[in-house]
Structure formats: structure tokens, C-alpha cells
Amino acid sequence: MAFLKEKNLTKKFYLICETILQGLKNTDLYDKEDINGKCKQVTAMKFKSKQNARLYCKEMKSNDKVLVVIVSELLEKKKNQKNQQKEISLIEKVATYEYELY
């Protein structure tokens, strides 16, 4: 949150959260990072601005089928339109994270 506040991205963060909570699809704000079979649960909150930051998340379903989005990693600046090795490594890293929901 400190990074988002510093870069004046908190309003956009809350807009992305609201979009997710309403079940709306806006790939410019939030989308799957389906780069390979290992990364099916990884998504990205996209902050397209000068910074072009990403918050990589892992989506899970709770036992009662509630969607849970876990913000896992911050990429402060994405420089290319396509994912480069740096982004791919980070996305694959997020895919390996395991969480236990209660």
C-alpha cells in the first residue's frame, strides 16, 4: 500500500477491487497471466500509467466457493508490452505459492 500511496495509485487499486467484487471483466485493469500451464491461477492488477506497475495475485476458491484474490508480488515498473523473462519468472514464482484458507 505504501508504494500505491507514493505513486498516487490507491484510487485505481480500489477501482480494480470494486471491479473484481462486482464480477465485472475489464482486462485493462485485471486479467489472468496465462503464460503457461503452471500459471493458471495467477492474475495481475494493472496500473497503466507512467509507472505501469503490476500487482501479481493468486486466485483461489474457498470451500464455500467464494473467490479469494491474494496479492502476492509487486512489479514496480513494467517496461515492455509483452512479458519478458523478469515478468515470467515473477509470475511463475507467484504460481508456486501455496496458501491455506480458513
PDB file of N, CA and C in Angstrom:
ATOM      1  N   MET A   1       0.824  -1.196   0.000  1.00  0.00           N
ATOM      2  CA  MET A   1       0.000   0.000   0.000  1.00  0.00           C
ATOM      3  C   MET A   1       0.869   1.261   0.000  1.00  0.00           C
ATOM      4  N   ALA A   2       2.045   1.185   0.634  1.00  0.00           N
ATOM      5  CA  ALA A   2       2.915   2.356   0.659  1.00  0.00           C
ATOM      6  C   ALA A   2       3.323   2.752  -0.761  1.00  0.00           C
ATOM      7  N   PHE A   3       3.647   1.771  -1.591  1.00  0.00           N
ATOM      8  CA  PHE A   3       4.007   2.045  -2.982  1.00  0.00           C
ATOM      9  C   PHE A   3       2.835   2.693  -3.721  1.00  0.00           C
ATOM     10  N   LEU A   4       1.635   2.139  -3.537  1.00  0.00           N
ATOM     11  CA  LEU A   4       0.452   2.681  -4.214  1.00  0.00           C
ATOM     12  C   LEU A   4       0.176   4.119  -3.780  1.00  0.00           C
ATOM     13  N   LYS A   5       0.327   4.394  -2.492  1.00  0.00           N
ATOM     14  CA  LYS A   5       0.119   5.759  -1.996  1.00  0.00           C
ATOM     15  C   LYS A   5       1.170   6.701  -2.556  1.00  0.00           C
ATOM     16  N   GLU A   6       2.406   6.249  -2.548  1.00  0.00           N
ATOM     17  CA  GLU A   6       3.514   7.079  -3.039  1.00  0.00           C
ATOM     18  C   GLU A   6       3.322   7.457  -4.509  1.00  0.00           C
ATOM     19  N   LYS A   7       2.805   6.544  -5.301  1.00  0.00           N
ATOM     20  CA  LYS A   7       2.639   6.767  -6.736  1.00  0.00           C
ATOM     21  C   LYS A   7       1.223   7.233  -7.101  1.00  0.00           C
ATOM     22  N   ASN A   8       0.422   7.579  -6.099  1.00  0.00           N
ATOM     23  CA  ASN A   8      -0.961   8.038  -6.309  1.00  0.00           C
ATOM     24  C   ASN A   8      -1.802   7.027  -7.086  1.00  0.00           C
ATOM     25  N   LEU A   9      -1.685   5.760  -6.707  1.00  0.00           N
ATOM     26  CA  LEU A   9      -2.412   4.686  -7.382  1.00  0.00           C
ATOM     27  C   LEU A   9      -3.492   4.047  -6.516  1.00  0.00           C
ATOM     28  N   THR A  10      -3.773   4.618  -5.355  1.00  0.00           N
ATOM     29  CA  THR A  10      -4.751   3.997  -4.458  1.00  0.00           C
ATOM     30  C   THR A  10      -6.162   4.025  -5.043  1.00  0.00           C
ATOM     31  N   LYS A  11      -6.547   5.102  -5.713  1.00  0.00           N
ATOM     32  CA  LYS A  11      -7.887   5.155  -6.319  1.00  0.00           C
ATOM     33  C   LYS A  11      -8.047   4.053  -7.358  1.00  0.00           C
ATOM     34  N   LYS A  12      -7.012   3.858  -8.153  1.00  0.00           N
ATOM     35  CA  LYS A  12      -7.068   2.814  -9.181  1.00  0.00           C
ATOM     36  C   LYS A  12      -7.127   1.430  -8.529  1.00  0.00           C
ATOM     37  N   PHE A  13      -6.397   1.240  -7.417  1.00  0.00           N
ATOM     38  CA  PHE A  13      -6.437  -0.027  -6.696  1.00  0.00           C
ATOM     39  C   PHE A  13      -7.863  -0.327  -6.231  1.00  0.00           C
ATOM     40  N   TYR A  14      -8.513   0.669  -5.655  1.00  0.00           N
ATOM     41  CA  TYR A  14      -9.883   0.460  -5.179  1.00  0.00           C
ATOM     42  C   TYR A  14     -10.850   0.251  -6.339  1.00  0.00           C
ATOM     43  N   LEU A  15     -10.601   0.884  -7.467  1.00  0.00           N
ATOM     44  CA  LEU A  15     -11.416   0.652  -8.667  1.00  0.00           C
ATOM     45  C   LEU A  15     -11.261  -0.794  -9.142  1.00  0.00           C
ATOM     46  N   ILE A  16     -10.040  -1.290  -9.142  1.00  0.00           N
ATOM     47  CA  ILE A  16      -9.791  -2.685  -9.534  1.00  0.00           C
ATOM     48  C   ILE A  16     -10.480  -3.636  -8.564  1.00  0.00           C
ATOM     49  N   CYS A  17     -10.363  -3.366  -7.272  1.00  0.00           N
ATOM     50  CA  CYS A  17     -11.020  -4.211  -6.262  1.00  0.00           C
ATOM     51  C   CYS A  17     -12.529  -4.218  -6.461  1.00  0.00           C
ATOM     52  N   GLU A  18     -13.105  -3.059  -6.717  1.00  0.00           N
ATOM     53  CA  GLU A  18     -14.550  -2.951  -6.937  1.00  0.00           C
ATOM     54  C   GLU A  18     -14.962  -3.731  -8.187  1.00  0.00           C
ATOM     55  N   THR A  19     -14.167  -3.663  -9.218  1.00  0.00           N
ATOM     56  CA  THR A  19     -14.425  -4.409 -10.458  1.00  0.00           C
ATOM     57  C   THR A  19     -14.444  -5.912 -10.178  1.00  0.00           C
ATOM     58  N   ILE A  20     -13.483  -6.376  -9.404  1.00  0.00           N
ATOM     59  CA  ILE A  20     -13.409  -7.801  -9.046  1.00  0.00           C
ATOM     60  C   ILE A  20     -14.620  -8.192  -8.215  1.00  0.00           C
ATOM     61  N   LEU A  21     -14.945  -7.383  -7.207  1.00  0.00           N
ATOM     62  CA  LEU A  21     -16.066  -7.704  -6.315  1.00  0.00           C
ATOM     63  C   LEU A  21     -17.403  -7.729  -7.043  1.00  0.00           C
ATOM     64  N   GLN A  22     -17.544  -6.913  -8.067  1.00  0.00           N
ATOM     65  CA  GLN A  22     -18.784  -6.888  -8.834  1.00  0.00           C
ATOM     66  C   GLN A  22     -18.830  -7.989  -9.895  1.00  0.00           C
ATOM     67  N   GLY A  23     -17.736  -8.708 -10.047  1.00  0.00           N
ATOM     68  CA  GLY A  23     -17.695  -9.784 -11.031  1.00  0.00           C
ATOM     69  C   GLY A  23     -17.607  -9.292 -12.459  1.00  0.00           C
ATOM     70  N   LEU A  24     -17.147  -8.062 -12.635  1.00  0.00           N
ATOM     71  CA  LEU A  24     -17.020  -7.489 -13.973  1.00  0.00           C
ATOM     72  C   LEU A  24     -15.674  -7.880 -14.584  1.00  0.00           C
ATOM     73  N   LYS A  25     -15.627  -7.891 -15.899  1.00  0.00           N
ATOM     74  CA  LYS A  25     -14.387  -8.223 -16.584  1.00  0.00           C
ATOM     75  C   LYS A  25     -13.865  -6.975 -17.275  1.00  0.00           C
ATOM     76  N   ASN A  26     -12.679  -6.550 -16.892  1.00  0.00           N
ATOM     77  CA  ASN A  26     -12.013  -5.426 -17.524  1.00  0.00           C
ATOM     78  C   ASN A  26     -10.539  -5.788 -17.632  1.00  0.00           C
ATOM     79  N   THR A  27     -10.148  -6.314 -18.781  1.00  0.00           N
ATOM     80  CA  THR A  27      -8.785  -6.811 -18.942  1.00  0.00           C
ATOM     81  C   THR A  27      -7.739  -5.700 -18.921  1.00  0.00           C
ATOM     82  N   ASP A  28      -8.163  -4.450 -19.050  1.00  0.00           N
ATOM     83  CA  ASP A  28      -7.205  -3.348 -18.923  1.00  0.00           C
ATOM     84  C   ASP A  28      -6.821  -3.109 -17.469  1.00  0.00           C
ATOM     85  N   LEU A  29      -7.655  -3.562 -16.538  1.00  0.00           N
ATOM     86  CA  LEU A  29      -7.395  -3.375 -15.108  1.00  0.00           C
ATOM     87  C   LEU A  29      -6.946  -4.651 -14.407  1.00  0.00           C
ATOM     88  N   TYR A  30      -7.522  -5.784 -14.796  1.00  0.00           N
ATOM     89  CA  TYR A  30      -7.284  -7.041 -14.071  1.00  0.00           C
ATOM     90  C   TYR A  30      -7.495  -8.194 -15.037  1.00  0.00           C
ATOM     91  N   ASP A  31      -6.501  -9.073 -15.131  1.00  0.00           N
ATOM     92  CA  ASP A  31      -6.613 -10.174 -16.093  1.00  0.00           C
ATOM     93  C   ASP A  31      -5.703 -11.320 -15.678  1.00  0.00           C
ATOM     94  N   LYS A  32      -5.989 -12.477 -16.227  1.00  0.00           N
ATOM     95  CA  LYS A  32      -5.174 -13.657 -15.981  1.00  0.00           C
ATOM     96  C   LYS A  32      -3.830 -13.512 -16.688  1.00  0.00           C
ATOM     97  N   GLU A  33      -2.804 -14.047 -16.068  1.00  0.00           N
ATOM     98  CA  GLU A  33      -1.463 -14.089 -16.663  1.00  0.00           C
ATOM     99  C   GLU A  33      -1.217 -15.523 -17.114  1.00  0.00           C
ATOM    100  N   ASP A  34      -1.915 -15.918 -18.143  1.00  0.00           N
ATOM    101  CA  ASP A  34      -1.911 -17.294 -18.618  1.00  0.00           C
ATOM    102  C   ASP A  34      -0.739 -17.513 -19.577  1.00  0.00           C
ATOM    103  N   ILE A  35       0.478 -17.503 -19.033  1.00  0.00           N
ATOM    104  CA  ILE A  35       1.657 -17.620 -19.889  1.00  0.00           C
ATOM    105  C   ILE A  35       2.047 -19.068 -20.150  1.00  0.00           C
ATOM    106  N   ASN A  36       1.662 -19.963 -19.241  1.00  0.00           N
ATOM    107  CA  ASN A  36       1.902 -21.388 -19.435  1.00  0.00           C
ATOM    108  C   ASN A  36       1.010 -22.171 -18.480  1.00  0.00           C
ATOM    109  N   GLY A  37       1.063 -23.489 -18.553  1.00  0.00           N
ATOM    110  CA  GLY A  37       0.191 -24.338 -17.752  1.00  0.00           C
ATOM    111  C   GLY A  37       0.385 -24.218 -16.252  1.00  0.00           C
ATOM    112  N   LYS A  38       1.554 -23.788 -15.815  1.00  0.00           N
ATOM    113  CA  LYS A  38       1.836 -23.663 -14.383  1.00  0.00           C
ATOM    114  C   LYS A  38       1.156 -22.452 -13.750  1.00  0.00           C
ATOM    115  N   CYS A  39       0.766 -21.491 -14.556  1.00  0.00           N
ATOM    116  CA  CYS A  39       0.348 -20.182 -14.039  1.00  0.00           C
ATOM    117  C   CYS A  39      -1.145 -19.906 -14.184  1.00  0.00           C
ATOM    118  N   LYS A  40      -1.970 -20.923 -14.209  1.00  0.00           N
ATOM    119  CA  LYS A  40      -3.400 -20.739 -14.460  1.00  0.00           C
ATOM    120  C   LYS A  40      -4.104 -19.901 -13.402  1.00  0.00           C
ATOM    121  N   GLN A  41      -3.643 -19.906 -12.169  1.00  0.00           N
ATOM    122  CA  GLN A  41      -4.320 -19.159 -11.098  1.00  0.00           C
ATOM    123  C   GLN A  41      -3.741 -17.761 -10.880  1.00  0.00           C
ATOM    124  N   VAL A  42      -2.765 -17.364 -11.672  1.00  0.00           N
ATOM    125  CA  VAL A  42      -2.101 -16.083 -11.468  1.00  0.00           C
ATOM    126  C   VAL A  42      -2.794 -15.003 -12.298  1.00  0.00           C
ATOM    127  N   THR A  43      -3.048 -13.874 -11.645  1.00  0.00           N
ATOM    128  CA  THR A  43      -3.664 -12.721 -12.291  1.00  0.00           C
ATOM    129  C   THR A  43      -2.813 -11.485 -12.006  1.00  0.00           C
ATOM    130  N   ALA A  44      -3.137 -10.396 -12.690  1.00  0.00           N
ATOM    131  CA  ALA A  44      -2.403  -9.150 -12.475  1.00  0.00           C
ATOM    132  C   ALA A  44      -3.373  -7.987 -12.370  1.00  0.00           C
ATOM    133  N   MET A  45      -3.152  -7.160 -11.349  1.00  0.00           N
ATOM    134  CA  MET A  45      -3.806  -5.858 -11.259  1.00  0.00           C
ATOM    135  C   MET A  45      -2.888  -4.912 -12.019  1.00  0.00           C
ATOM    136  N   LYS A  46      -3.451  -4.229 -13.002  1.00  0.00           N
ATOM    137  CA  LYS A  46      -2.640  -3.421 -13.901  1.00  0.00           C
ATOM    138  C   LYS A  46      -2.836  -1.931 -13.629  1.00  0.00           C
ATOM    139  N   PHE A  47      -1.745  -1.256 -13.401  1.00  0.00           N
ATOM    140  CA  PHE A  47      -1.750   0.183 -13.149  1.00  0.00           C
ATOM    141  C   PHE A  47      -1.051   0.856 -14.317  1.00  0.00           C
ATOM    142  N   LYS A  48      -1.786   0.992 -15.414  1.00  0.00           N
ATOM    143  CA  LYS A  48      -1.216   1.554 -16.642  1.00  0.00           C
ATOM    144  C   LYS A  48      -1.135   3.068 -16.512  1.00  0.00           C
ATOM    145  N   SER A  49       0.055   3.527 -16.290  1.00  0.00           N
ATOM    146  CA  SER A  49       0.350   4.946 -16.160  1.00  0.00           C
ATOM    147  C   SER A  49       1.829   5.103 -16.487  1.00  0.00           C
ATOM    148  N   LYS A  50       2.422   6.192 -16.074  1.00  0.00           N
ATOM    149  CA  LYS A  50       3.867   6.356 -16.265  1.00  0.00           C
ATOM    150  C   LYS A  50       4.622   5.181 -15.637  1.00  0.00           C
ATOM    151  N   GLN A  51       4.140   4.748 -14.474  1.00  0.00           N
ATOM    152  CA  GLN A  51       4.802   3.689 -13.723  1.00  0.00           C
ATOM    153  C   GLN A  51       4.558   2.324 -14.361  1.00  0.00           C
ATOM    154  N   ASN A  52       3.357   2.092 -14.857  1.00  0.00           N
ATOM    155  CA  ASN A  52       2.959   0.806 -15.446  1.00  0.00           C
ATOM    156  C   ASN A  52       3.267  -0.360 -14.495  1.00  0.00           C
ATOM    157  N   ALA A  53       2.848  -0.210 -13.256  1.00  0.00           N
ATOM    158  CA  ALA A  53       3.102  -1.217 -12.225  1.00  0.00           C
ATOM    159  C   ALA A  53       2.122  -2.385 -12.348  1.00  0.00           C
ATOM    160  N   ARG A  54       2.485  -3.500 -11.735  1.00  0.00           N
ATOM    161  CA  ARG A  54       1.623  -4.682 -11.672  1.00  0.00           C
ATOM    162  C   ARG A  54       1.637  -5.237 -10.253  1.00  0.00           C
ATOM    163  N   LEU A  55       0.478  -5.662  -9.802  1.00  0.00           N
ATOM    164  CA  LEU A  55       0.376  -6.461  -8.585  1.00  0.00           C
ATOM    165  C   LEU A  55      -0.036  -7.855  -9.040  1.00  0.00           C
ATOM    166  N   TYR A  56       0.862  -8.805  -8.900  1.00  0.00           N
ATOM    167  CA  TYR A  56       0.548 -10.176  -9.296  1.00  0.00           C
ATOM    168  C   TYR A  56      -0.154 -10.872  -8.139  1.00  0.00           C
ATOM    169  N   CYS A  57      -1.238 -11.551  -8.470  1.00  0.00           N
ATOM    170  CA  CYS A  57      -2.126 -12.152  -7.481  1.00  0.00           C
ATOM    171  C   CYS A  57      -2.322 -13.626  -7.784  1.00  0.00           C
ATOM    172  N   LYS A  58      -2.794 -14.325  -6.786  1.00  0.00           N
ATOM    173  CA  LYS A  58      -3.182 -15.715  -6.970  1.00  0.00           C
ATOM    174  C   LYS A  58      -4.657 -15.827  -6.605  1.00  0.00           C
ATOM    175  N   GLU A  59      -5.437 -16.397  -7.508  1.00  0.00           N
ATOM    176  CA  GLU A  59      -6.861 -16.602  -7.263  1.00  0.00           C
ATOM    177  C   GLU A  59      -7.089 -18.012  -6.738  1.00  0.00           C
ATOM    178  N   MET A  60      -7.940 -18.087  -5.726  1.00  0.00           N
ATOM    179  CA  MET A  60      -8.312 -19.380  -5.154  1.00  0.00           C
ATOM    180  C   MET A  60      -9.807 -19.346  -4.847  1.00  0.00           C
ATOM    181  N   LYS A  61     -10.386 -20.506  -4.669  1.00  0.00           N
ATOM    182  CA  LYS A  61     -11.789 -20.616  -4.236  1.00  0.00           C
ATOM    183  C   LYS A  61     -11.793 -21.231  -2.845  1.00  0.00           C
ATOM    184  N   SER A  62     -12.580 -20.644  -1.968  1.00  0.00           N
ATOM    185  CA  SER A  62     -12.717 -21.188  -0.618  1.00  0.00           C
ATOM    186  C   SER A  62     -13.621 -22.422  -0.683  1.00  0.00           C
ATOM    187  N   ASN A  63     -13.731 -23.113   0.437  1.00  0.00           N
ATOM    188  CA  ASN A  63     -14.576 -24.314   0.491  1.00  0.00           C
ATOM    189  C   ASN A  63     -16.017 -24.021   0.118  1.00  0.00           C
ATOM    190  N   ASP A  64     -16.480 -22.811   0.425  1.00  0.00           N
ATOM    191  CA  ASP A  64     -17.857 -22.452   0.075  1.00  0.00           C
ATOM    192  C   ASP A  64     -17.927 -21.678  -1.250  1.00  0.00           C
ATOM    193  N   LYS A  65     -16.922 -21.873  -2.102  1.00  0.00           N
ATOM    194  CA  LYS A  65     -16.881 -21.360  -3.483  1.00  0.00           C
ATOM    195  C   LYS A  65     -16.774 -19.842  -3.603  1.00  0.00           C
ATOM    196  N   VAL A  66     -16.258 -19.187  -2.583  1.00  0.00           N
ATOM    197  CA  VAL A  66     -16.030 -17.742  -2.632  1.00  0.00           C
ATOM    198  C   VAL A  66     -14.660 -17.499  -3.268  1.00  0.00           C
ATOM    199  N   LEU A  67     -14.606 -16.587  -4.231  1.00  0.00           N
ATOM    200  CA  LEU A  67     -13.350 -16.237  -4.879  1.00  0.00           C
ATOM    201  C   LEU A  67     -12.481 -15.441  -3.914  1.00  0.00           C
ATOM    202  N   VAL A  68     -11.251 -15.873  -3.752  1.00  0.00           N
ATOM    203  CA  VAL A  68     -10.288 -15.184  -2.901  1.00  0.00           C
ATOM    204  C   VAL A  68      -9.122 -14.760  -3.792  1.00  0.00           C
ATOM    205  N   VAL A  69      -8.799 -13.466  -3.764  1.00  0.00           N
ATOM    206  CA  VAL A  69      -7.686 -12.931  -4.537  1.00  0.00           C
ATOM    207  C   VAL A  69      -6.609 -12.511  -3.546  1.00  0.00           C
ATOM    208  N   ILE A  70      -5.445 -13.143  -3.659  1.00  0.00           N
ATOM    209  CA  ILE A  70      -4.337 -12.877  -2.741  1.00  0.00           C
ATOM    210  C   ILE A  70      -3.267 -12.093  -3.507  1.00  0.00           C
ATOM    211  N   VAL A  71      -3.030 -10.854  -3.081  1.00  0.00           N
ATOM    212  CA  VAL A  71      -1.986 -10.044  -3.707  1.00  0.00           C
ATOM    213  C   VAL A  71      -0.651 -10.592  -3.217  1.00  0.00           C
ATOM    214  N   SER A  72       0.181 -11.009  -4.162  1.00  0.00           N
ATOM    215  CA  SER A  72       1.395 -11.736  -3.796  1.00  0.00           C
ATOM    216  C   SER A  72       2.698 -10.994  -4.069  1.00  0.00           C
ATOM    217  N   GLU A  73       2.812 -10.342  -5.211  1.00  0.00           N
ATOM    218  CA  GLU A  73       4.079  -9.697  -5.594  1.00  0.00           C
ATOM    219  C   GLU A  73       3.817  -8.384  -6.311  1.00  0.00           C
ATOM    220  N   LEU A  74       4.729  -7.449  -6.109  1.00  0.00           N
ATOM    221  CA  LEU A  74       4.676  -6.146  -6.765  1.00  0.00           C
ATOM    222  C   LEU A  74       5.772  -6.060  -7.819  1.00  0.00           C
ATOM    223  N   LEU A  75       5.406  -5.659  -9.008  1.00  0.00           N
ATOM    224  CA  LEU A  75       6.362  -5.289 -10.046  1.00  0.00           C
ATOM    225  C   LEU A  75       6.194  -3.776 -10.213  1.00  0.00           C
ATOM    226  N   GLU A  76       7.193  -3.025  -9.788  1.00  0.00           N
ATOM    227  CA  GLU A  76       7.058  -1.567  -9.743  1.00  0.00           C
ATOM    228  C   GLU A  76       6.978  -0.921 -11.113  1.00  0.00           C
ATOM    229  N   LYS A  77       7.608  -1.527 -12.097  1.00  0.00           N
ATOM    230  CA  LYS A  77       7.585  -0.915 -13.428  1.00  0.00           C
ATOM    231  C   LYS A  77       7.724  -2.002 -14.485  1.00  0.00           C
ATOM    232  N   LYS A  78       6.736  -2.060 -15.352  1.00  0.00           N
ATOM    233  CA  LYS A  78       6.782  -2.986 -16.484  1.00  0.00           C
ATOM    234  C   LYS A  78       7.142  -2.166 -17.703  1.00  0.00           C
ATOM    235  N   LYS A  79       8.235  -2.538 -18.377  1.00  0.00           N
ATOM    236  CA  LYS A  79       8.771  -1.702 -19.443  1.00  0.00           C
ATOM    237  C   LYS A  79       8.323  -2.133 -20.837  1.00  0.00           C
ATOM    238  N   ASN A  80       7.882  -3.381 -20.991  1.00  0.00           N
ATOM    239  CA  ASN A  80       7.534  -3.897 -22.313  1.00  0.00           C
ATOM    240  C   ASN A  80       6.085  -4.325 -22.358  1.00  0.00           C
ATOM    241  N   GLN A  81       5.530  -4.330 -23.565  1.00  0.00           N
ATOM    242  CA  GLN A  81       4.146  -4.760 -23.702  1.00  0.00           C
ATOM    243  C   GLN A  81       4.017  -6.263 -23.449  1.00  0.00           C
ATOM    244  N   LYS A  82       4.940  -7.042 -24.004  1.00  0.00           N
ATOM    245  CA  LYS A  82       4.931  -8.485 -23.772  1.00  0.00           C
ATOM    246  C   LYS A  82       5.744  -8.790 -22.527  1.00  0.00           C
ATOM    247  N   ASN A  83       5.405  -9.904 -21.874  1.00  0.00           N
ATOM    248  CA  ASN A  83       6.154 -10.312 -20.692  1.00  0.00           C
ATOM    249  C   ASN A  83       7.556 -10.760 -21.085  1.00  0.00           C
ATOM    250  N   GLN A  84       8.542 -10.183 -20.420  1.00  0.00           N
ATOM    251  CA  GLN A  84       9.932 -10.570 -20.605  1.00  0.00           C
ATOM    252  C   GLN A  84      10.294 -11.597 -19.528  1.00  0.00           C
ATOM    253  N   GLN A  85      11.528 -12.071 -19.535  1.00  0.00           N
ATOM    254  CA  GLN A  85      11.932 -13.118 -18.591  1.00  0.00           C
ATOM    255  C   GLN A  85      11.744 -12.685 -17.137  1.00  0.00           C
ATOM    256  N   LYS A  86      11.988 -11.429 -16.832  1.00  0.00           N
ATOM    257  CA  LYS A  86      11.807 -10.920 -15.464  1.00  0.00           C
ATOM    258  C   LYS A  86      10.363 -11.112 -15.008  1.00  0.00           C
ATOM    259  N   GLU A  87       9.408 -10.723 -15.864  1.00  0.00           N
ATOM    260  CA  GLU A  87       7.994 -10.864 -15.518  1.00  0.00           C
ATOM    261  C   GLU A  87       7.578 -12.334 -15.476  1.00  0.00           C
ATOM    262  N   ILE A  88       8.063 -13.115 -16.427  1.00  0.00           N
ATOM    263  CA  ILE A  88       7.721 -14.546 -16.471  1.00  0.00           C
ATOM    264  C   ILE A  88       8.202 -15.240 -15.207  1.00  0.00           C
ATOM    265  N   SER A  89       9.416 -14.943 -14.781  1.00  0.00           N
ATOM    266  CA  SER A  89       9.954 -15.544 -13.546  1.00  0.00           C
ATOM    267  C   SER A  89       9.106 -15.173 -12.334  1.00  0.00           C
ATOM    268  N   LEU A  90       8.698 -13.914 -12.262  1.00  0.00           N
ATOM    269  CA  LEU A  90       7.887 -13.454 -11.137  1.00  0.00           C
ATOM    270  C   LEU A  90       6.510 -14.117 -11.158  1.00  0.00           C
ATOM    271  N   ILE A  91       5.904 -14.236 -12.323  1.00  0.00           N
ATOM    272  CA  ILE A  91       4.594 -14.876 -12.453  1.00  0.00           C
ATOM    273  C   ILE A  91       4.694 -16.351 -12.071  1.00  0.00           C
ATOM    274  N   GLU A  92       5.726 -17.030 -12.530  1.00  0.00           N
ATOM    275  CA  GLU A  92       5.916 -18.439 -12.174  1.00  0.00           C
ATOM    276  C   GLU A  92       6.181 -18.606 -10.681  1.00  0.00           C
ATOM    277  N   LYS A  93       6.874 -17.653 -10.090  1.00  0.00           N
ATOM    278  CA  LYS A  93       7.121 -17.673  -8.643  1.00  0.00           C
ATOM    279  C   LYS A  93       5.798 -17.571  -7.880  1.00  0.00           C
ATOM    280  N   VAL A  94       4.934 -16.645  -8.295  1.00  0.00           N
ATOM    281  CA  VAL A  94       3.621 -16.489  -7.660  1.00  0.00           C
ATOM    282  C   VAL A  94       2.810 -17.775  -7.802  1.00  0.00           C
ATOM    283  N   ALA A  95       2.919 -18.429  -8.934  1.00  0.00           N
ATOM    284  CA  ALA A  95       2.184 -19.677  -9.176  1.00  0.00           C
ATOM    285  C   ALA A  95       2.581 -20.768  -8.197  1.00  0.00           C
ATOM    286  N   THR A  96       3.812 -20.719  -7.687  1.00  0.00           N
ATOM    287  CA  THR A  96       4.281 -21.762  -6.765  1.00  0.00           C
ATOM    288  C   THR A  96       3.836 -21.516  -5.320  1.00  0.00           C
ATOM    289  N   TYR A  97       3.397 -20.303  -5.012  1.00  0.00           N
ATOM    290  CA  TYR A  97       2.977 -20.005  -3.647  1.00  0.00           C
ATOM    291  C   TYR A  97       1.775 -20.848  -3.263  1.00  0.00           C
ATOM    292  N   GLU A  98       1.812 -21.341  -2.056  1.00  0.00           N
ATOM    293  CA  GLU A  98       0.678 -22.127  -1.546  1.00  0.00           C
ATOM    294  C   GLU A  98       0.085 -21.417  -0.341  1.00  0.00           C
ATOM    295  N   TYR A  99      -1.230 -21.335  -0.332  1.00  0.00           N
ATOM    296  CA  TYR A  99      -1.942 -20.671   0.753  1.00  0.00           C
ATOM    297  C   TYR A  99      -2.992 -21.628   1.289  1.00  0.00           C
ATOM    298  N   GLU A 100      -3.238 -21.506   2.572  1.00  0.00           N
ATOM    299  CA  GLU A 100      -4.292 -22.298   3.205  1.00  0.00           C
ATOM    300  C   GLU A 100      -5.383 -21.339   3.651  1.00  0.00           C
ATOM    301  N   LEU A 101      -6.582 -21.564   3.168  1.00  0.00           N
ATOM    302  CA  LEU A 101      -7.710 -20.691   3.503  1.00  0.00           C
ATOM    303  C   LEU A 101      -8.468 -21.267   4.694  1.00  0.00           C
ATOM    304  N   TYR A 102      -8.865 -20.391   5.588  1.00  0.00           N
ATOM    305  CA  TYR A 102      -9.637 -20.806   6.758  1.00  0.00           C
ATOM    306  C   TYR A 102     -11.002 -20.212   6.712  1.00  0.00           C
TER     307      TYR A 102
END
